Amino acid sequence: MGLKSKLKFTVAAAGLTFCALVGLGTSAGAQEVFRNTVTGEALDVEGQAPKEGRDTPAVKQFMQTGVDPYVEVAGCLPKGEEIYLESCSGCHGHLGEGKVGPGLNDSYWTYPKNTTDKGLFETIFGGANGMMGPHGQDLELDNMLKLIAWIRHIQKDDVADADWLSDEQKKNFKPFDIKAWEATGKAAAEKAQCKISGN
């Protein structure tokens, strides 16, 4: 190979390496920035979240998109309900109807950003005003996504403005009915897998 050919090869190889590095940087930099609901400061999700439950396909997807892939995945709902009853129902009510804390099962959100999965995650992870303390250190990220899926599932109002649902999910959504859930829904969900497409 002559000097001119070696030079062309070296320049081409350097160009490909640069493109690959730029591509990796873009991919790595595409992670969402999560902000405290009250202060707007960036949340240290990486530094504060428990080490367990952060490497699941759902968490990786959520960190890139801010959209909870577990929403309306039946197999994820029983665990979400369990976490909700343990961690949230004391303030927000057994069915999200509200008690000391606001209701979570209707179309009104104290913090409008909570109509998005990212916003609700930020409020749960970093806390908010009043008695809503941060749960970022208590809940594994994968379990927090299951919790969010449950909160979305107990919606009793019209979902026309539910930013957390896709158009297809809105068409198929039925307002939450505790009697139907306890009669057949929960048992069916417990038999299903908590999987998102691709995992």
Protein backbone atom coordinates (compact mmCIF):
# COMPACT_ATOMS: atom_id res chain seq x y z
CA MET A 1 0.00 0.00 0.00
CA GLY A 2 1.46 3.36 -1.03
CA LEU A 3 1.80 6.43 1.18
CA LYS A 4 -1.21 8.11 -0.46
CA SER A 5 -3.37 5.02 0.07
CA LYS A 6 -2.23 4.73 3.71
CA LEU A 7 -3.09 8.38 4.28
CA LYS A 8 -6.58 7.93 2.77
CA PHE A 9 -7.11 4.82 4.89
CA THR A 10 -5.99 6.62 8.07
CA VAL A 11 -8.27 9.60 7.38
CA ALA A 12 -11.21 7.30 6.63
CA ALA A 13 -10.57 5.26 9.79
CA ALA A 14 -10.33 8.43 11.89
CA GLY A 15 -13.59 9.67 10.37
CA LEU A 16 -15.37 6.41 11.16
CA THR A 17 -14.01 6.43 14.72
CA PHE A 18 -15.20 10.03 15.19
CA CYS A 19 -18.67 9.17 13.86
CA ALA A 20 -18.87 6.16 16.16
CA LEU A 21 -17.86 8.24 19.18
CA VAL A 22 -20.36 10.95 18.30
CA GLY A 23 -23.06 8.29 17.92
CA LEU A 24 -22.20 6.81 21.32
CA GLY A 25 -22.21 10.25 22.90
CA THR A 26 -25.62 11.02 21.45
CA SER A 27 -27.00 7.72 22.65
CA ALA A 28 -25.58 8.13 26.14
CA GLY A 29 -26.68 11.78 26.29
CA ALA A 30 -30.26 10.97 25.32
CA GLN A 31 -31.20 10.16 28.93
CA GLU A 32 -34.02 12.25 30.33
CA VAL A 33 -33.24 14.89 32.95
CA PHE A 34 -35.54 14.45 35.91
CA ARG A 35 -36.34 17.51 38.05
CA ASN A 36 -37.67 18.08 41.54
CA THR A 37 -41.37 18.94 41.38
CA VAL A 38 -41.05 21.90 43.77
CA THR A 39 -37.57 23.35 43.21
CA GLY A 40 -36.92 22.35 39.60
CA GLU A 41 -33.43 21.16 40.55
CA ALA A 42 -32.10 18.09 38.77
CA LEU A 43 -32.74 14.87 40.69
CA ASP A 44 -29.78 12.57 41.32
CA VAL A 45 -31.55 9.41 40.22
CA GLU A 46 -28.30 7.54 39.60
CA GLY A 47 -26.85 8.45 43.00
CA GLN A 48 -29.97 8.04 45.15
CA ALA A 49 -31.97 5.12 43.75
CA PRO A 50 -31.36 1.67 45.25
CA LYS A 51 -28.86 -0.39 43.27
CA GLU A 52 -31.36 -3.22 42.77
CA GLY A 53 -34.07 -2.93 40.13
CA ARG A 54 -32.38 -0.39 37.90
CA ASP A 55 -31.08 -2.57 35.07
CA THR A 56 -34.41 -3.86 33.77
CA PRO A 57 -35.44 -3.21 30.16
CA ALA A 58 -38.38 -1.13 31.45
CA VAL A 59 -36.15 1.15 33.56
CA LYS A 60 -33.66 1.58 30.74
CA GLN A 61 -36.48 2.50 28.35
CA PHE A 62 -38.04 4.90 30.87
CA MET A 63 -34.73 6.66 31.52
CA GLN A 64 -34.43 7.33 27.79
CA THR A 65 -38.05 8.29 27.06
CA GLY A 66 -39.77 9.33 30.30
CA VAL A 67 -42.66 7.01 29.36
CA ASP A 68 -43.50 4.12 31.69
CA PRO A 69 -43.68 0.98 29.53
CA TYR A 70 -45.56 -0.91 32.27
CA VAL A 71 -48.70 1.26 32.00
CA GLU A 72 -51.62 -1.03 31.15
CA VAL A 73 -49.45 -4.18 31.21
CA ALA A 74 -51.75 -6.44 33.23
CA GLY A 75 -49.01 -8.62 34.69
CA CYS A 76 -47.35 -5.59 36.32
CA LEU A 77 -50.47 -4.34 38.10
CA PRO A 78 -50.57 -6.71 41.12
CA LYS A 79 -47.06 -5.68 42.23
CA GLY A 80 -47.96 -2.03 41.60
CA GLU A 81 -51.05 -2.41 43.76
CA GLU A 82 -49.01 -4.06 46.53
CA ILE A 83 -46.50 -1.20 46.55
CA TYR A 84 -49.29 1.37 46.44
CA LEU A 85 -51.10 -0.18 49.42
CA GLU A 86 -47.85 -0.33 51.44
CA SER A 87 -46.43 3.08 50.52
CA CYS A 88 -49.21 5.39 49.34
CA SER A 89 -52.68 4.41 50.51
CA GLY A 90 -52.23 5.84 54.03
CA CYS A 91 -52.22 9.36 52.58
CA HIS A 92 -53.91 8.94 49.19
CA GLY A 93 -56.62 6.42 50.06
CA HIS A 94 -57.08 2.72 49.31
CA LEU A 95 -58.39 3.49 45.80
CA GLY A 96 -56.54 6.76 45.23
CA GLU A 97 -59.62 8.71 46.34
CA GLY A 98 -57.53 11.03 48.53
CA LYS A 99 -57.23 11.44 52.29
CA VAL A 100 -54.48 13.58 53.80
CA GLY A 101 -52.91 13.69 50.35
CA PRO A 102 -54.74 14.48 47.12
CA GLY A 103 -56.71 11.99 45.08
CA LEU A 104 -54.80 10.11 42.40
CA ASN A 105 -57.66 8.41 40.57
CA ASP A 106 -59.33 11.32 38.80
CA SER A 107 -58.54 13.90 36.14
CA TYR A 108 -57.30 16.60 38.55
CA TRP A 109 -53.60 16.71 39.38
CA THR A 110 -52.20 19.04 42.05
CA TYR A 111 -49.08 19.25 39.89
CA PRO A 112 -50.16 19.37 36.22
CA LYS A 113 -46.89 17.73 35.12
CA ASN A 114 -48.11 14.54 36.81
CA THR A 115 -50.26 13.89 33.75
CA THR A 116 -47.02 12.57 32.27
CA ASP A 117 -45.20 9.49 33.58
CA LYS A 118 -42.02 11.53 33.86
CA GLY A 119 -43.78 14.14 36.00
CA LEU A 120 -45.36 11.57 38.30
CA PHE A 121 -42.01 9.80 38.65
CA GLU A 122 -40.35 13.11 39.59
CA THR A 123 -42.98 13.78 42.27
CA ILE A 124 -42.68 10.28 43.75
CA PHE A 125 -38.89 10.17 43.53
CA GLY A 126 -38.12 13.69 44.78
CA GLY A 127 -41.19 14.50 46.86
CA ALA A 128 -43.39 17.59 46.76
CA ASN A 129 -45.06 20.07 49.10
CA GLY A 130 -46.88 19.13 52.29
CA MET A 131 -46.33 15.64 53.61
CA MET A 132 -45.23 14.17 50.27
CA GLY A 133 -41.69 13.13 51.10
CA PRO A 134 -39.21 11.75 48.57
CA HIS A 135 -39.28 8.02 47.87
CA GLY A 136 -36.26 7.87 45.59
CA GLN A 137 -34.16 6.04 48.16
CA ASP A 138 -36.95 3.69 49.34
CA LEU A 139 -38.29 2.24 46.10
CA GLU A 140 -36.38 0.35 43.44
CA LEU A 141 -36.79 2.07 40.07
CA ASP A 142 -38.48 -0.95 38.49
CA ASN A 143 -40.97 -1.09 41.35
CA MET A 144 -41.58 2.65 41.06
CA LEU A 145 -42.61 2.10 37.43
CA LYS A 146 -45.00 -0.66 38.53
CA LEU A 147 -46.41 1.72 41.14
CA ILE A 148 -46.96 4.40 38.50
CA ALA A 149 -48.67 1.81 36.29
CA TRP A 150 -51.06 0.99 39.15
CA ILE A 151 -51.81 4.67 39.82
CA ARG A 152 -52.63 5.08 36.13
CA HIS A 153 -54.81 1.96 36.21
CA ILE A 154 -57.05 3.17 39.07
CA GLN A 155 -58.19 6.15 36.99
CA LYS A 156 -61.97 6.48 37.30
CA ASP A 157 -62.55 9.52 35.07
CA ASP A 158 -62.61 9.96 31.32
CA VAL A 159 -59.13 9.48 29.89
CA ALA A 160 -59.50 11.81 26.90
CA ASP A 161 -56.83 14.09 28.39
CA ALA A 162 -54.71 11.32 29.92
CA ASP A 163 -51.27 12.18 28.52
CA TRP A 164 -49.90 8.93 29.93
CA LEU A 165 -51.95 6.75 27.59
CA SER A 166 -51.37 6.21 23.89
CA ASP A 167 -54.32 6.72 21.54
CA GLU A 168 -54.72 2.94 21.33
CA GLN A 169 -54.68 2.59 25.13
CA LYS A 170 -57.28 5.36 25.43
CA LYS A 171 -59.61 3.45 23.10
CA ASN A 172 -59.34 0.29 25.19
CA PHE A 173 -59.29 1.88 28.64
CA LYS A 174 -62.12 1.18 31.05
CA PRO A 175 -62.51 3.27 34.22
CA PHE A 176 -61.32 1.38 37.27
CA ASP A 177 -63.90 -0.81 38.98
CA ILE A 178 -62.72 -2.30 42.29
CA LYS A 179 -65.41 -5.00 42.24
CA ALA A 180 -64.35 -6.23 38.79
CA TRP A 181 -60.66 -6.07 39.82
CA GLU A 182 -61.25 -8.12 42.95
CA ALA A 183 -63.64 -10.58 41.25
CA THR A 184 -61.59 -11.50 38.18
CA GLY A 185 -59.14 -8.78 37.15
CA LYS A 186 -56.48 -9.33 39.79
CA ALA A 187 -56.47 -13.11 39.41
CA ALA A 188 -56.08 -12.79 35.64
CA ALA A 189 -53.30 -10.21 36.06
CA GLU A 190 -51.45 -12.46 38.50
CA LYS A 191 -51.36 -15.18 35.83
CA ALA A 192 -49.96 -12.76 33.23
CA GLN A 193 -46.31 -11.81 32.96
CA CYS A 194 -44.95 -8.39 33.78
CA LYS A 195 -43.16 -7.99 30.46
CA ILE A 196 -42.76 -5.24 27.95
CA SER A 197 -42.29 -6.00 24.30
CA GLY A 198 -38.70 -6.89 23.60
CA ASN A 199 -37.76 -8.31 27.02
